[in-house]
C-alpha atoms as a PDB file:
ATOM      1  CA  MET A   1     119.053 -24.195 -70.724  1.00  0.00           C
ATOM      2  CA  ALA A   2     120.581 -27.739 -69.953  1.00  0.00           C
ATOM      3  CA  ALA A   3     118.428 -30.875 -69.022  1.00  0.00           C
ATOM      4  CA  PRO A   4     119.412 -32.589 -65.843  1.00  0.00           C
ATOM      5  CA  PRO A   5     121.533 -35.059 -66.845  1.00  0.00           C
ATOM      6  CA  GLY A   6     120.777 -38.332 -68.393  1.00  0.00           C
ATOM      7  CA  SER A   7     117.567 -36.700 -69.189  1.00  0.00           C
ATOM      8  CA  ALA A   8     116.403 -35.530 -72.995  1.00  0.00           C
ATOM      9  CA  LYS A   9     115.207 -32.075 -74.231  1.00  0.00           C
ATOM     10  CA  VAL A  10     111.878 -31.906 -74.644  1.00  0.00           C
ATOM     11  CA  THR A  11     110.397 -29.562 -77.365  1.00  0.00           C
ATOM     12  CA  ALA A  12     107.598 -27.376 -75.483  1.00  0.00           C
ATOM     13  CA  PRO A  13     107.080 -24.083 -77.046  1.00  0.00           C
ATOM     14  CA  TYR A  14     104.284 -22.850 -74.453  1.00  0.00           C
ATOM     15  CA  ALA A  15     105.702 -23.837 -71.342  1.00  0.00           C
ATOM     16  CA  GLN A  16     108.237 -22.426 -69.584  1.00  0.00           C
ATOM     17  CA  ALA A  17     109.399 -25.896 -67.805  1.00  0.00           C
ATOM     18  CA  ALA A  18     107.886 -29.215 -68.267  1.00  0.00           C
ATOM     19  CA  ALA A  19     109.755 -32.672 -67.067  1.00  0.00           C
ATOM     20  CA  VAL A  20     108.408 -36.789 -67.191  1.00  0.00           C
ATOM     21  CA  VAL A  21     109.915 -38.110 -63.889  1.00  0.00           C
ATOM     22  CA  ASN A  22     110.415 -41.720 -63.323  1.00  0.00           C
ATOM     23  CA  ALA A  23     109.419 -43.209 -60.110  1.00  0.00           C
ATOM     24  CA  ASN A  24     112.897 -43.077 -58.637  1.00  0.00           C
ATOM     25  CA  GLY A  25     113.197 -39.328 -59.162  1.00  0.00           C
ATOM     26  CA  SER A  26     115.584 -39.891 -62.541  1.00  0.00           C
ATOM     27  CA  VAL A  27     114.127 -37.299 -65.088  1.00  0.00           C
ATOM     28  CA  ASN A  28     113.323 -39.187 -68.257  1.00  0.00           C
ATOM     29  CA  ARG A  29     112.999 -35.422 -70.626  1.00  0.00           C
ATOM     30  CA  SER A  30     113.004 -31.988 -69.695  1.00  0.00           C
ATOM     31  CA  LYS A  31     112.332 -28.785 -70.656  1.00  0.00           C
ATOM     32  CA  GLY A  32     113.451 -25.627 -67.772  1.00  0.00           C
ATOM     33  CA  VAL A  33     114.155 -28.191 -65.064  1.00  0.00           C
ATOM     34  CA  GLU A  34     117.805 -27.874 -63.238  1.00  0.00           C
ATOM     35  CA  ALA A  35     117.174 -30.864 -61.106  1.00  0.00           C
ATOM     36  CA  VAL A  36     114.555 -33.452 -59.511  1.00  0.00           C
ATOM     37  CA  THR A  37     115.502 -34.891 -56.024  1.00  0.00           C
ATOM     38  CA  LYS A  38     114.058 -37.085 -53.960  1.00  0.00           C
ATOM     39  CA  PRO A  39     114.134 -36.632 -49.960  1.00  0.00           C
ATOM     40  CA  ALA A  40     111.684 -39.534 -49.254  1.00  0.00           C
ATOM     41  CA  ALA A  41     109.119 -41.842 -50.724  1.00  0.00           C
ATOM     42  CA  GLY A  42     106.694 -40.229 -53.079  1.00  0.00           C
ATOM     43  CA  HIS A  43     108.235 -36.975 -52.608  1.00  0.00           C
ATOM     44  CA  TYR A  44     109.965 -35.261 -55.307  1.00  0.00           C
ATOM     45  CA  CYS A  45     111.343 -31.737 -55.272  1.00  0.00           C
ATOM     46  CA  VAL A  46     111.367 -30.450 -58.948  1.00  0.00           C
ATOM     47  CA  GLU A  47     113.682 -27.099 -58.756  1.00  0.00           C
ATOM     48  CA  LEU A  48     113.421 -25.211 -62.129  1.00  0.00           C
ATOM     49  CA  GLU A  49     115.946 -23.535 -64.277  1.00  0.00           C
ATOM     50  CA  ASP A  50     114.532 -20.194 -64.156  1.00  0.00           C
ATOM     51  CA  LYS A  51     115.692 -18.587 -60.816  1.00  0.00           C
ATOM     52  CA  ASP A  52     113.477 -15.692 -61.320  1.00  0.00           C
ATOM     53  CA  LEU A  53     110.394 -17.942 -61.179  1.00  0.00           C
ATOM     54  CA  ASP A  54     108.481 -17.914 -58.351  1.00  0.00           C
ATOM     55  CA  ILE A  55     106.205 -21.191 -57.742  1.00  0.00           C
ATOM     56  CA  ARG A  56     103.878 -18.882 -55.806  1.00  0.00           C
ATOM     57  CA  LYS A  57     102.807 -17.122 -58.754  1.00  0.00           C
ATOM     58  CA  LEU A  58     102.644 -20.051 -61.108  1.00  0.00           C
ATOM     59  CA  VAL A  59     100.593 -22.594 -62.281  1.00  0.00           C
ATOM     60  CA  PRO A  60     101.342 -25.925 -62.494  1.00  0.00           C
ATOM     61  CA  THR A  61      99.853 -29.161 -63.403  1.00  0.00           C
ATOM     62  CA  ALA A  62     100.982 -33.353 -62.873  1.00  0.00           C
ATOM     63  CA  THR A  63      99.986 -36.112 -63.936  1.00  0.00           C
ATOM     64  CA  LEU A  64     100.434 -39.935 -63.196  1.00  0.00           C
ATOM     65  CA  GLN A  65     102.223 -41.625 -65.359  1.00  0.00           C
ATOM     66  CA  TYR A  66     101.263 -45.362 -65.928  1.00  0.00           C
ATOM     67  CA  ILE A  67      99.312 -46.274 -62.565  1.00  0.00           C
ATOM     68  CA  SER A  68      96.175 -47.284 -61.471  1.00  0.00           C
ATOM     69  CA  PHE A  69      93.139 -44.455 -60.536  1.00  0.00           C
ATOM     70  CA  GLU A  70      93.932 -45.219 -57.111  1.00  0.00           C
ATOM     71  CA  TYR A  71      96.848 -43.461 -57.036  1.00  0.00           C
ATOM     72  CA  ASP A  72      97.180 -39.280 -56.674  1.00  0.00           C
ATOM     73  CA  VAL A  73      99.316 -36.596 -57.129  1.00  0.00           C
ATOM     74  CA  ARG A  74      99.984 -33.235 -55.468  1.00  0.00           C
ATOM     75  CA  ILE A  75     101.836 -30.209 -55.995  1.00  0.00           C
ATOM     76  CA  SER A  76     102.967 -27.817 -53.474  1.00  0.00           C
ATOM     77  CA  MET A  77     102.496 -24.151 -54.453  1.00  0.00           C
ATOM     78  CA  TRP A  78     104.799 -22.807 -51.601  1.00  0.00           C
ATOM     79  CA  PRO A  79     108.121 -23.341 -50.718  1.00  0.00           C
ATOM     80  CA  HIS A  80     108.476 -26.127 -48.696  1.00  0.00           C
ATOM     81  CA  PRO A  81     111.471 -27.047 -46.183  1.00  0.00           C
ATOM     82  CA  SER A  82     111.437 -30.888 -47.714  1.00  0.00           C
ATOM     83  CA  CYS A  83     113.161 -28.749 -50.929  1.00  0.00           C
ATOM     84  CA  GLY A  84     114.840 -26.098 -48.867  1.00  0.00           C
ATOM     85  CA  THR A  85     112.307 -23.219 -49.098  1.00  0.00           C
ATOM     86  CA  ARG A  86     113.332 -22.649 -51.958  1.00  0.00           C
ATOM     87  CA  THR A  87     111.152 -20.189 -54.091  1.00  0.00           C
ATOM     88  CA  ASP A  88     112.233 -21.814 -57.650  1.00  0.00           C
ATOM     89  CA  THR A  89     111.420 -25.640 -56.212  1.00  0.00           C
ATOM     90  CA  PHE A  90     108.028 -27.831 -56.266  1.00  0.00           C
ATOM     91  CA  LEU A  91     107.356 -30.124 -54.102  1.00  0.00           C
ATOM     92  CA  VAL A  92     105.125 -32.931 -55.977  1.00  0.00           C
ATOM     93  CA  ILE A  93     103.645 -35.940 -53.649  1.00  0.00           C
ATOM     94  CA  THR A  94     102.292 -38.987 -54.760  1.00  0.00           C
ATOM     95  CA  GLY A  95     100.871 -41.893 -53.500  1.00  0.00           C
ATOM     96  CA  LYS A  96      97.258 -43.462 -52.249  1.00  0.00           C
ATOM     97  CA  PRO A  97      95.068 -42.072 -49.842  1.00  0.00           C
ATOM     98  CA  GLY A  98      97.472 -42.667 -46.382  1.00  0.00           C
ATOM     99  CA  VAL A  99     100.285 -43.731 -47.991  1.00  0.00           C
ATOM    100  CA  TYR A 100     103.669 -42.045 -49.852  1.00  0.00           C
ATOM    101  CA  GLU A 101     104.358 -43.725 -52.450  1.00  0.00           C
ATOM    102  CA  ASP A 102     106.972 -43.700 -55.311  1.00  0.00           C
ATOM    103  CA  ALA A 103     105.119 -43.475 -58.825  1.00  0.00           C
ATOM    104  CA  SER A 104     106.094 -41.697 -62.659  1.00  0.00           C
ATOM    105  CA  PHE A 105     104.546 -37.930 -63.083  1.00  0.00           C
ATOM    106  CA  SER A 106     104.807 -35.399 -65.658  1.00  0.00           C
ATOM    107  CA  ILE A 107     104.908 -31.649 -64.977  1.00  0.00           C
ATOM    108  CA  VAL A 108     104.181 -28.834 -66.740  1.00  0.00           C
ATOM    109  CA  VAL A 109     104.734 -25.167 -66.360  1.00  0.00           C
ATOM    110  CA  PRO A 110     102.842 -22.977 -68.577  1.00  0.00           C
END
């Protein structure tokens, strides 16, 4: 289980995957995450290492890091075209109401 380049490995014994993602899309630390790509402002594709995990059957949670309360984070629970319509990749969206903006977040897949 290799962490994305430049990230540290996370100790999360009860999580299938977890990551702290910086606003620019780089991964600070992770477990079970193959890569994070950033196709557009406020859009992040989080690819899981375990290709047998299907995002349509998981219940991930995401939390914004170090940002004001007017921002929000959302996770697509189905394969999204922005991420290649892959069943092993979540689309995470951050921003303010009506505006996509880059923001740091953490994600956990129990």
